[in-house]
């Protein structure tokens, strides 16, 4: 039984014929975010993790946090916002602007 008290984004390789899965990536950072959060893989091993109610939605001090992770595991950015519930961040996904010209 898993008894961790924090959100744990994971990536698995599935072997459906054998009813098995292997964990191939994990982001371990002790942030409580029980609901509304997500992780999105944009490019191989580049992730956008959103914690919709970091700190716990029952804590009274919840905040939203969006983290961009590079393929080397380092954070590209880490933004925090005040939130009441799942108001600010819910199922975030990257928007590419590198080819935009003004």
PDB file of N, CA and C in Angstrom:
ATOM      1  N   UNK A   1       0.830  -1.177   0.000  1.00  0.00           N
ATOM      2  CA  UNK A   1       0.000   0.000   0.000  1.00  0.00           C
ATOM      3  C   UNK A   1       0.877   1.245   0.000  1.00  0.00           C
ATOM      4  N   UNK A   2       0.555   2.201  -0.832  1.00  0.00           N
ATOM      5  CA  UNK A   2       1.299   3.446  -0.929  1.00  0.00           C
ATOM      6  C   UNK A   2       0.711   4.451   0.060  1.00  0.00           C
ATOM      7  N   UNK A   3       1.547   5.010   0.903  1.00  0.00           N
ATOM      8  CA  UNK A   3       1.043   5.935   1.917  1.00  0.00           C
ATOM      9  C   UNK A   3       1.644   7.330   1.781  1.00  0.00           C
ATOM     10  N   UNK A   4       2.144   7.685   0.604  1.00  0.00           N
ATOM     11  CA  UNK A   4       2.703   9.021   0.444  1.00  0.00           C
ATOM     12  C   UNK A   4       1.608  10.074   0.593  1.00  0.00           C
ATOM     13  N   UNK A   5       1.990  11.266   1.003  1.00  0.00           N
ATOM     14  CA  UNK A   5       1.035  12.346   1.263  1.00  0.00           C
ATOM     15  C   UNK A   5       1.188  13.487   0.263  1.00  0.00           C
ATOM     16  N   UNK A   6       1.769  13.232  -0.897  1.00  0.00           N
ATOM     17  CA  UNK A   6       2.011  14.280  -1.881  1.00  0.00           C
ATOM     18  C   UNK A   6       1.677  13.781  -3.284  1.00  0.00           C
ATOM     19  N   UNK A   7       1.519  14.723  -4.218  1.00  0.00           N
ATOM     20  CA  UNK A   7       1.261  14.385  -5.613  1.00  0.00           C
ATOM     21  C   UNK A   7       2.519  13.756  -6.215  1.00  0.00           C
ATOM     22  N   UNK A   8       2.354  12.799  -7.113  1.00  0.00           N
ATOM     23  CA  UNK A   8       3.502  12.079  -7.665  1.00  0.00           C
ATOM     24  C   UNK A   8       3.320  11.828  -9.161  1.00  0.00           C
ATOM     25  N   UNK A   9       3.640  12.826 -10.006  1.00  0.00           N
ATOM     26  CA  UNK A   9       3.546  12.591 -11.448  1.00  0.00           C
ATOM     27  C   UNK A   9       4.447  11.440 -11.880  1.00  0.00           C
ATOM     28  N   UNK A  10       3.901  10.551 -12.689  1.00  0.00           N
ATOM     29  CA  UNK A  10       4.615   9.359 -13.133  1.00  0.00           C
ATOM     30  C   UNK A  10       4.342   9.095 -14.604  1.00  0.00           C
ATOM     31  N   UNK A  11       5.259   8.379 -15.239  1.00  0.00           N
ATOM     32  CA  UNK A  11       5.076   7.911 -16.611  1.00  0.00           C
ATOM     33  C   UNK A  11       5.365   6.415 -16.608  1.00  0.00           C
ATOM     34  N   UNK A  12       4.507   5.680 -17.307  1.00  0.00           N
ATOM     35  CA  UNK A  12       4.633   4.225 -17.340  1.00  0.00           C
ATOM     36  C   UNK A  12       4.720   3.722 -18.770  1.00  0.00           C
ATOM     37  N   UNK A  13       5.412   2.627 -18.931  1.00  0.00           N
ATOM     38  CA  UNK A  13       5.400   1.865 -20.166  1.00  0.00           C
ATOM     39  C   UNK A  13       4.473   0.686 -19.917  1.00  0.00           C
ATOM     40  N   UNK A  14       3.454   0.539 -20.767  1.00  0.00           N
ATOM     41  CA  UNK A  14       2.438  -0.492 -20.561  1.00  0.00           C
ATOM     42  C   UNK A  14       2.707  -1.726 -21.410  1.00  0.00           C
ATOM     43  N   UNK A  15       2.516  -2.884 -20.825  1.00  0.00           N
ATOM     44  CA  UNK A  15       2.616  -4.171 -21.495  1.00  0.00           C
ATOM     45  C   UNK A  15       1.259  -4.843 -21.352  1.00  0.00           C
ATOM     46  N   UNK A  16       0.350  -4.478 -22.233  1.00  0.00           N
ATOM     47  CA  UNK A  16      -1.045  -4.907 -22.104  1.00  0.00           C
ATOM     48  C   UNK A  16      -1.209  -6.413 -22.229  1.00  0.00           C
ATOM     49  N   UNK A  17      -0.419  -7.055 -23.057  1.00  0.00           N
ATOM     50  CA  UNK A  17      -0.531  -8.511 -23.218  1.00  0.00           C
ATOM     51  C   UNK A  17      -0.214  -9.241 -21.922  1.00  0.00           C
ATOM     52  N   UNK A  18       0.641  -8.642 -21.094  1.00  0.00           N
ATOM     53  CA  UNK A  18       1.041  -9.262 -19.820  1.00  0.00           C
ATOM     54  C   UNK A  18       0.360  -8.630 -18.611  1.00  0.00           C
ATOM     55  N   UNK A  19      -0.543  -7.660 -18.850  1.00  0.00           N
ATOM     56  CA  UNK A  19      -1.173  -6.919 -17.753  1.00  0.00           C
ATOM     57  C   UNK A  19      -0.133  -6.348 -16.799  1.00  0.00           C
ATOM     58  N   UNK A  20       0.877  -5.692 -17.381  1.00  0.00           N
ATOM     59  CA  UNK A  20       1.975  -5.167 -16.574  1.00  0.00           C
ATOM     60  C   UNK A  20       2.299  -3.740 -16.998  1.00  0.00           C
ATOM     61  N   UNK A  21       2.949  -3.019 -16.104  1.00  0.00           N
ATOM     62  CA  UNK A  21       3.409  -1.664 -16.372  1.00  0.00           C
ATOM     63  C   UNK A  21       4.731  -1.443 -15.655  1.00  0.00           C
ATOM     64  N   UNK A  22       5.629  -0.703 -16.297  1.00  0.00           N
ATOM     65  CA  UNK A  22       6.905  -0.332 -15.689  1.00  0.00           C
ATOM     66  C   UNK A  22       6.973   1.179 -15.585  1.00  0.00           C
ATOM     67  N   UNK A  23       7.335   1.673 -14.421  1.00  0.00           N
ATOM     68  CA  UNK A  23       7.523   3.110 -14.258  1.00  0.00           C
ATOM     69  C   UNK A  23       8.808   3.504 -14.967  1.00  0.00           C
ATOM     70  N   UNK A  24       8.724   4.497 -15.866  1.00  0.00           N
ATOM     71  CA  UNK A  24       9.913   4.930 -16.598  1.00  0.00           C
ATOM     72  C   UNK A  24      10.282   6.383 -16.299  1.00  0.00           C
ATOM     73  N   UNK A  25       9.427   7.110 -15.589  1.00  0.00           N
ATOM     74  CA  UNK A  25       9.742   8.478 -15.189  1.00  0.00           C
ATOM     75  C   UNK A  25       8.939   8.820 -13.947  1.00  0.00           C
ATOM     76  N   UNK A  26       9.558   9.583 -13.062  1.00  0.00           N
ATOM     77  CA  UNK A  26       8.833  10.102 -11.903  1.00  0.00           C
ATOM     78  C   UNK A  26       9.404  11.470 -11.544  1.00  0.00           C
ATOM     79  N   UNK A  27       8.532  12.327 -11.078  1.00  0.00           N
ATOM     80  CA  UNK A  27       8.945  13.644 -10.598  1.00  0.00           C
ATOM     81  C   UNK A  27       8.596  13.688  -9.127  1.00  0.00           C
ATOM     82  N   UNK A  28       9.622  13.619  -8.303  1.00  0.00           N
ATOM     83  CA  UNK A  28       9.418  13.548  -6.857  1.00  0.00           C
ATOM     84  C   UNK A  28       9.705  14.884  -6.206  1.00  0.00           C
ATOM     85  N   UNK A  29       8.655  15.533  -5.846  1.00  0.00           N
ATOM     86  CA  UNK A  29       8.723  16.792  -5.120  1.00  0.00           C
ATOM     87  C   UNK A  29       7.539  16.786  -4.164  1.00  0.00           C
ATOM     88  N   UNK A  30       7.766  16.923  -2.877  1.00  0.00           N
ATOM     89  CA  UNK A  30       6.683  16.756  -1.906  1.00  0.00           C
ATOM     90  C   UNK A  30       5.685  17.907  -1.875  1.00  0.00           C
ATOM     91  N   UNK A  31       4.811  17.968  -2.897  1.00  0.00           N
ATOM     92  CA  UNK A  31       3.770  18.980  -2.974  1.00  0.00           C
ATOM     93  C   UNK A  31       2.424  18.291  -2.831  1.00  0.00           C
ATOM     94  N   UNK A  32       1.636  18.722  -1.871  1.00  0.00           N
ATOM     95  CA  UNK A  32       0.287  18.193  -1.697  1.00  0.00           C
ATOM     96  C   UNK A  32      -0.614  18.886  -2.708  1.00  0.00           C
ATOM     97  N   UNK A  33      -1.289  18.114  -3.540  1.00  0.00           N
ATOM     98  CA  UNK A  33      -2.255  18.645  -4.508  1.00  0.00           C
ATOM     99  C   UNK A  33      -3.192  17.502  -4.860  1.00  0.00           C
ATOM    100  N   UNK A  34      -4.237  17.374  -4.078  1.00  0.00           N
ATOM    101  CA  UNK A  34      -5.088  16.186  -4.142  1.00  0.00           C
ATOM    102  C   UNK A  34      -5.965  16.089  -5.385  1.00  0.00           C
ATOM    103  N   UNK A  35      -6.328  17.220  -5.978  1.00  0.00           N
ATOM    104  CA  UNK A  35      -7.317  17.199  -7.059  1.00  0.00           C
ATOM    105  C   UNK A  35      -6.942  18.167  -8.178  1.00  0.00           C
ATOM    106  N   UNK A  36      -7.532  17.950  -9.345  1.00  0.00           N
ATOM    107  CA  UNK A  36      -7.494  18.871 -10.503  1.00  0.00           C
ATOM    108  C   UNK A  36      -6.119  19.051 -11.142  1.00  0.00           C
ATOM    109  N   UNK A  37      -5.105  18.375 -10.743  1.00  0.00           N
ATOM    110  CA  UNK A  37      -3.769  18.569 -11.283  1.00  0.00           C
ATOM    111  C   UNK A  37      -3.525  17.656 -12.477  1.00  0.00           C
ATOM    112  N   UNK A  38      -2.454  17.964 -13.240  1.00  0.00           N
ATOM    113  CA  UNK A  38      -2.139  17.130 -14.396  1.00  0.00           C
ATOM    114  C   UNK A  38      -0.665  17.251 -14.748  1.00  0.00           C
ATOM    115  N   UNK A  39      -0.237  16.349 -15.626  1.00  0.00           N
ATOM    116  CA  UNK A  39       1.115  16.401 -16.187  1.00  0.00           C
ATOM    117  C   UNK A  39       0.985  16.119 -17.675  1.00  0.00           C
ATOM    118  N   UNK A  40       1.757  16.845 -18.473  1.00  0.00           N
ATOM    119  CA  UNK A  40       1.682  16.734 -19.919  1.00  0.00           C
ATOM    120  C   UNK A  40       3.101  16.605 -20.456  1.00  0.00           C
ATOM    121  N   UNK A  41       3.353  15.613 -21.300  1.00  0.00           N
ATOM    122  CA  UNK A  41       4.662  15.467 -21.935  1.00  0.00           C
ATOM    123  C   UNK A  41       4.601  16.145 -23.294  1.00  0.00           C
ATOM    124  N   UNK A  42       5.356  17.214 -23.452  1.00  0.00           N
ATOM    125  CA  UNK A  42       5.324  18.003 -24.674  1.00  0.00           C
ATOM    126  C   UNK A  42       6.250  17.422 -25.735  1.00  0.00           C
ATOM    127  N   UNK A  43       7.475  17.225 -25.393  1.00  0.00           N
ATOM    128  CA  UNK A  43       8.479  16.588 -26.242  1.00  0.00           C
ATOM    129  C   UNK A  43       9.065  15.464 -25.406  1.00  0.00           C
ATOM    130  N   UNK A  44       9.807  14.548 -26.010  1.00  0.00           N
ATOM    131  CA  UNK A  44      10.356  13.459 -25.187  1.00  0.00           C
ATOM    132  C   UNK A  44      11.070  13.974 -23.943  1.00  0.00           C
ATOM    133  N   UNK A  45      10.581  13.540 -22.802  1.00  0.00           N
ATOM    134  CA  UNK A  45      11.162  13.861 -21.496  1.00  0.00           C
ATOM    135  C   UNK A  45      11.107  15.339 -21.117  1.00  0.00           C
ATOM    136  N   UNK A  46      10.216  16.109 -21.728  1.00  0.00           N
ATOM    137  CA  UNK A  46       9.942  17.495 -21.350  1.00  0.00           C
ATOM    138  C   UNK A  46       8.506  17.538 -20.849  1.00  0.00           C
ATOM    139  N   UNK A  47       8.311  18.012 -19.617  1.00  0.00           N
ATOM    140  CA  UNK A  47       7.004  17.923 -18.985  1.00  0.00           C
ATOM    141  C   UNK A  47       6.511  19.273 -18.484  1.00  0.00           C
ATOM    142  N   UNK A  48       5.205  19.424 -18.528  1.00  0.00           N
ATOM    143  CA  UNK A  48       4.525  20.545 -17.905  1.00  0.00           C
ATOM    144  C   UNK A  48       3.664  19.940 -16.800  1.00  0.00           C
ATOM    145  N   UNK A  49       3.962  20.295 -15.566  1.00  0.00           N
ATOM    146  CA  UNK A  49       3.237  19.768 -14.415  1.00  0.00           C
ATOM    147  C   UNK A  49       2.437  20.911 -13.808  1.00  0.00           C
ATOM    148  N   UNK A  50       1.140  20.685 -13.607  1.00  0.00           N
ATOM    149  CA  UNK A  50       0.363  21.705 -12.915  1.00  0.00           C
ATOM    150  C   UNK A  50      -0.229  21.118 -11.645  1.00  0.00           C
ATOM    151  N   UNK A  51      -0.002  21.848 -10.569  1.00  0.00           N
ATOM    152  CA  UNK A  51      -0.567  21.521  -9.269  1.00  0.00           C
ATOM    153  C   UNK A  51      -1.689  22.536  -9.043  1.00  0.00           C
ATOM    154  N   UNK A  52      -2.925  22.124  -9.190  1.00  0.00           N
ATOM    155  CA  UNK A  52      -4.051  23.057  -9.127  1.00  0.00           C
ATOM    156  C   UNK A  52      -4.294  23.616  -7.738  1.00  0.00           C
ATOM    157  N   UNK A  53      -4.088  22.813  -6.733  1.00  0.00           N
ATOM    158  CA  UNK A  53      -4.298  23.266  -5.354  1.00  0.00           C
ATOM    159  C   UNK A  53      -3.119  22.815  -4.490  1.00  0.00           C
ATOM    160  N   UNK A  54      -1.930  23.295  -4.848  1.00  0.00           N
ATOM    161  CA  UNK A  54      -0.732  22.954  -4.080  1.00  0.00           C
ATOM    162  C   UNK A  54      -0.891  23.456  -2.653  1.00  0.00           C
ATOM    163  N   UNK A  55      -0.455  22.667  -1.735  1.00  0.00           N
ATOM    164  CA  UNK A  55      -0.625  23.002  -0.330  1.00  0.00           C
ATOM    165  C   UNK A  55      -1.849  22.358   0.271  1.00  0.00           C
ATOM    166  N   UNK A  56      -2.698  21.781  -0.571  1.00  0.00           N
ATOM    167  CA  UNK A  56      -3.896  21.094  -0.096  1.00  0.00           C
ATOM    168  C   UNK A  56      -5.118  21.982  -0.119  1.00  0.00           C
ATOM    169  N   UNK A  57      -6.177  21.519  -0.736  1.00  0.00           N
ATOM    170  CA  UNK A  57      -7.369  22.353  -0.889  1.00  0.00           C
ATOM    171  C   UNK A  57      -8.092  22.605   0.425  1.00  0.00           C
ATOM    172  N   UNK A  58      -7.814  21.850   1.445  1.00  0.00           N
ATOM    173  CA  UNK A  58      -8.432  22.072   2.754  1.00  0.00           C
ATOM    174  C   UNK A  58      -7.540  22.902   3.678  1.00  0.00           C
ATOM    175  N   UNK A  59      -6.362  23.307   3.188  1.00  0.00           N
ATOM    176  CA  UNK A  59      -5.397  23.995   4.050  1.00  0.00           C
ATOM    177  C   UNK A  59      -5.738  25.457   4.308  1.00  0.00           C
ATOM    178  N   UNK A  60      -6.496  26.074   3.392  1.00  0.00           N
ATOM    179  CA  UNK A  60      -6.756  27.502   3.507  1.00  0.00           C
ATOM    180  C   UNK A  60      -5.651  28.350   2.905  1.00  0.00           C
ATOM    181  N   UNK A  61      -4.551  27.728   2.522  1.00  0.00           N
ATOM    182  CA  UNK A  61      -3.410  28.430   1.913  1.00  0.00           C
ATOM    183  C   UNK A  61      -3.057  27.854   0.551  1.00  0.00           C
ATOM    184  N   UNK A  62      -4.017  27.312  -0.165  1.00  0.00           N
ATOM    185  CA  UNK A  62      -3.732  26.659  -1.438  1.00  0.00           C
ATOM    186  C   UNK A  62      -3.266  27.667  -2.487  1.00  0.00           C
ATOM    187  N   UNK A  63      -2.386  27.227  -3.345  1.00  0.00           N
ATOM    188  CA  UNK A  63      -1.927  28.016  -4.480  1.00  0.00           C
ATOM    189  C   UNK A  63      -1.798  27.090  -5.677  1.00  0.00           C
ATOM    190  N   UNK A  64      -1.875  27.672  -6.854  1.00  0.00           N
ATOM    191  CA  UNK A  64      -1.657  26.919  -8.079  1.00  0.00           C
ATOM    192  C   UNK A  64      -0.176  27.046  -8.437  1.00  0.00           C
ATOM    193  N   UNK A  65       0.405  25.976  -8.958  1.00  0.00           N
ATOM    194  CA  UNK A  65       1.811  26.009  -9.353  1.00  0.00           C
ATOM    195  C   UNK A  65       1.965  25.288 -10.681  1.00  0.00           C
ATOM    196  N   UNK A  66       2.662  25.928 -11.611  1.00  0.00           N
ATOM    197  CA  UNK A  66       2.946  25.346 -12.930  1.00  0.00           C
ATOM    198  C   UNK A  66       4.458  25.210 -13.046  1.00  0.00           C
ATOM    199  N   UNK A  67       4.918  23.992 -13.358  1.00  0.00           N
ATOM    200  CA  UNK A  67       6.344  23.698 -13.429  1.00  0.00           C
ATOM    201  C   UNK A  67       6.675  23.143 -14.804  1.00  0.00           C
ATOM    202  N   UNK A  68       7.680  23.716 -15.455  1.00  0.00           N
ATOM    203  CA  UNK A  68       8.184  23.187 -16.721  1.00  0.00           C
ATOM    204  C   UNK A  68       9.477  22.434 -16.459  1.00  0.00           C
ATOM    205  N   UNK A  69       9.546  21.195 -16.913  1.00  0.00           N
ATOM    206  CA  UNK A  69      10.733  20.369 -16.683  1.00  0.00           C
ATOM    207  C   UNK A  69      11.414  20.045 -18.008  1.00  0.00           C
ATOM    208  N   UNK A  70      12.719  20.244 -18.054  1.00  0.00           N
ATOM    209  CA  UNK A  70      13.509  19.927 -19.231  1.00  0.00           C
ATOM    210  C   UNK A  70      13.871  18.452 -19.244  1.00  0.00           C
ATOM    211  N   UNK A  71      14.396  17.981 -20.367  1.00  0.00           N
ATOM    212  CA  UNK A  71      14.733  16.560 -20.487  1.00  0.00           C
ATOM    213  C   UNK A  71      15.823  16.136 -19.513  1.00  0.00           C
ATOM    214  N   UNK A  72      16.636  17.077 -19.029  1.00  0.00           N
ATOM    215  CA  UNK A  72      17.673  16.742 -18.041  1.00  0.00           C
ATOM    216  C   UNK A  72      17.123  16.737 -16.616  1.00  0.00           C
ATOM    217  N   UNK A  73      15.807  16.995 -16.462  1.00  0.00           N
ATOM    218  CA  UNK A  73      15.171  16.979 -15.143  1.00  0.00           C
ATOM    219  C   UNK A  73      15.164  18.314 -14.435  1.00  0.00           C
ATOM    220  N   UNK A  74      15.876  19.300 -14.971  1.00  0.00           N
ATOM    221  CA  UNK A  74      15.916  20.620 -14.337  1.00  0.00           C
ATOM    222  C   UNK A  74      14.669  21.420 -14.683  1.00  0.00           C
ATOM    223  N   UNK A  75      14.298  22.300 -13.775  1.00  0.00           N
ATOM    224  CA  UNK A  75      13.136  23.157 -13.997  1.00  0.00           C
ATOM    225  C   UNK A  75      13.466  24.285 -14.972  1.00  0.00           C
ATOM    226  N   UNK A  76      12.640  24.435 -15.988  1.00  0.00           N
ATOM    227  CA  UNK A  76      12.770  25.555 -16.921  1.00  0.00           C
ATOM    228  C   UNK A  76      12.065  26.774 -16.338  1.00  0.00           C
ATOM    229  N   UNK A  77      10.972  26.536 -15.625  1.00  0.00           N
ATOM    230  CA  UNK A  77      10.249  27.601 -14.935  1.00  0.00           C
ATOM    231  C   UNK A  77       9.401  26.987 -13.838  1.00  0.00           C
ATOM    232  N   UNK A  78       8.988  27.825 -12.923  1.00  0.00           N
ATOM    233  CA  UNK A  78       8.155  27.407 -11.795  1.00  0.00           C
ATOM    234  C   UNK A  78       7.348  28.627 -11.354  1.00  0.00           C
ATOM    235  N   UNK A  79       6.080  28.684 -11.752  1.00  0.00           N
ATOM    236  CA  UNK A  79       5.207  29.816 -11.446  1.00  0.00           C
ATOM    237  C   UNK A  79       4.169  29.426 -10.407  1.00  0.00           C
ATOM    238  N   UNK A  80       3.903  30.340  -9.483  1.00  0.00           N
ATOM    239  CA  UNK A  80       2.888  30.117  -8.461  1.00  0.00           C
ATOM    240  C   UNK A  80       1.856  31.234  -8.513  1.00  0.00           C
ATOM    241  N   UNK A  81       0.594  30.848  -8.285  1.00  0.00           N
ATOM    242  CA  UNK A  81      -0.523  31.783  -8.311  1.00  0.00           C
ATOM    243  C   UNK A  81      -1.412  31.518  -7.103  1.00  0.00           C
ATOM    244  N   UNK A  82      -2.031  32.544  -6.584  1.00  0.00           N
ATOM    245  CA  UNK A  82      -3.044  32.360  -5.543  1.00  0.00           C
ATOM    246  C   UNK A  82      -4.255  31.700  -6.178  1.00  0.00           C
ATOM    247  N   UNK A  83      -4.909  30.839  -5.445  1.00  0.00           N
ATOM    248  CA  UNK A  83      -6.109  30.183  -5.949  1.00  0.00           C
ATOM    249  C   UNK A  83      -7.030  29.842  -4.795  1.00  0.00           C
ATOM    250  N   UNK A  84      -8.291  29.638  -5.101  1.00  0.00           N
ATOM    251  CA  UNK A  84      -9.259  29.211  -4.095  1.00  0.00           C
ATOM    252  C   UNK A  84      -9.512  27.715  -4.172  1.00  0.00           C
ATOM    253  N   UNK A  85      -9.552  27.207  -5.348  1.00  0.00           N
ATOM    254  CA  UNK A  85      -9.843  25.785  -5.540  1.00  0.00           C
ATOM    255  C   UNK A  85      -9.117  25.372  -6.812  1.00  0.00           C
ATOM    256  N   UNK A  86      -9.820  25.017  -7.853  1.00  0.00           N
ATOM    257  CA  UNK A  86      -9.213  24.713  -9.155  1.00  0.00           C
ATOM    258  C   UNK A  86      -9.450  25.891 -10.096  1.00  0.00           C
ATOM    259  N   UNK A  87      -9.463  27.112  -9.538  1.00  0.00           N
ATOM    260  CA  UNK A  87      -9.818  28.315 -10.292  1.00  0.00           C
ATOM    261  C   UNK A  87      -8.770  28.733 -11.315  1.00  0.00           C
ATOM    262  N   UNK A  88      -7.500  28.614 -10.979  1.00  0.00           N
ATOM    263  CA  UNK A  88      -6.435  29.179 -11.800  1.00  0.00           C
ATOM    264  C   UNK A  88      -5.828  28.194 -12.786  1.00  0.00           C
ATOM    265  N   UNK A  89      -5.599  26.979 -12.369  1.00  0.00           N
ATOM    266  CA  UNK A  89      -4.938  25.982 -13.209  1.00  0.00           C
ATOM    267  C   UNK A  89      -5.747  24.694 -13.165  1.00  0.00           C
ATOM    268  N   UNK A  90      -6.045  24.184 -14.330  1.00  0.00           N
ATOM    269  CA  UNK A  90      -6.698  22.879 -14.404  1.00  0.00           C
ATOM    270  C   UNK A  90      -6.375  22.285 -15.765  1.00  0.00           C
ATOM    271  N   UNK A  91      -5.661  21.183 -15.768  1.00  0.00           N
ATOM    272  CA  UNK A  91      -5.306  20.494 -17.003  1.00  0.00           C
ATOM    273  C   UNK A  91      -4.561  21.422 -17.966  1.00  0.00           C
ATOM    274  N   UNK A  92      -3.454  21.971 -17.516  1.00  0.00           N
ATOM    275  CA  UNK A  92      -2.644  22.871 -18.329  1.00  0.00           C
ATOM    276  C   UNK A  92      -1.971  22.116 -19.465  1.00  0.00           C
ATOM    277  N   UNK A  93      -1.733  22.814 -20.562  1.00  0.00           N
ATOM    278  CA  UNK A  93      -0.966  22.233 -21.669  1.00  0.00           C
ATOM    279  C   UNK A  93      -0.144  23.347 -22.312  1.00  0.00           C
ATOM    280  N   UNK A  94       1.018  22.997 -22.894  1.00  0.00           N
ATOM    281  CA  UNK A  94       1.909  24.013 -23.460  1.00  0.00           C
ATOM    282  C   UNK A  94       1.357  24.622 -24.743  1.00  0.00           C
ATOM    283  N   UNK A  95       1.676  25.875 -24.938  1.00  0.00           N
ATOM    284  CA  UNK A  95       1.372  26.582 -26.180  1.00  0.00           C
ATOM    285  C   UNK A  95       2.710  27.044 -26.746  1.00  0.00           C
ATOM    286  N   UNK A  96       3.001  26.637 -27.960  1.00  0.00           N
ATOM    287  CA  UNK A  96       4.286  26.990 -28.572  1.00  0.00           C
ATOM    288  C   UNK A  96       4.215  28.353 -29.242  1.00  0.00           C
ATOM    289  N   UNK A  97       5.168  29.206 -28.879  1.00  0.00           N
ATOM    290  CA  UNK A  97       5.248  30.547 -29.444  1.00  0.00           C
ATOM    291  C   UNK A  97       6.576  30.794 -30.151  1.00  0.00           C
ATOM    292  N   UNK A  98       7.406  29.765 -30.270  1.00  0.00           N
ATOM    293  CA  UNK A  98       8.753  29.984 -30.822  1.00  0.00           C
ATOM    294  C   UNK A  98       8.755  30.379 -32.301  1.00  0.00           C
ATOM    295  N   UNK A  99       7.679  30.110 -33.037  1.00  0.00           N
ATOM    296  CA  UNK A  99       7.632  30.485 -34.439  1.00  0.00           C
ATOM    297  C   UNK A  99       6.753  31.710 -34.696  1.00  0.00           C
ATOM    298  N   UNK A 100       6.374  32.401 -33.636  1.00  0.00           N
ATOM    299  CA  UNK A 100       5.542  33.592 -33.775  1.00  0.00           C
ATOM    300  C   UNK A 100       6.444  34.775 -34.134  1.00  0.00           C
ATOM    301  N   UNK A 101       6.014  35.567 -35.098  1.00  0.00           N
ATOM    302  CA  UNK A 101       6.761  36.784 -35.414  1.00  0.00           C
ATOM    303  C   UNK A 101       5.806  37.970 -35.300  1.00  0.00           C
ATOM    304  N   UNK A 102       6.366  39.097 -34.919  1.00  0.00           N
ATOM    305  CA  UNK A 102       5.570  40.308 -34.713  1.00  0.00           C
ATOM    306  C   UNK A 102       5.893  41.330 -35.780  1.00  0.00           C
TER     307      UNK A 102
END
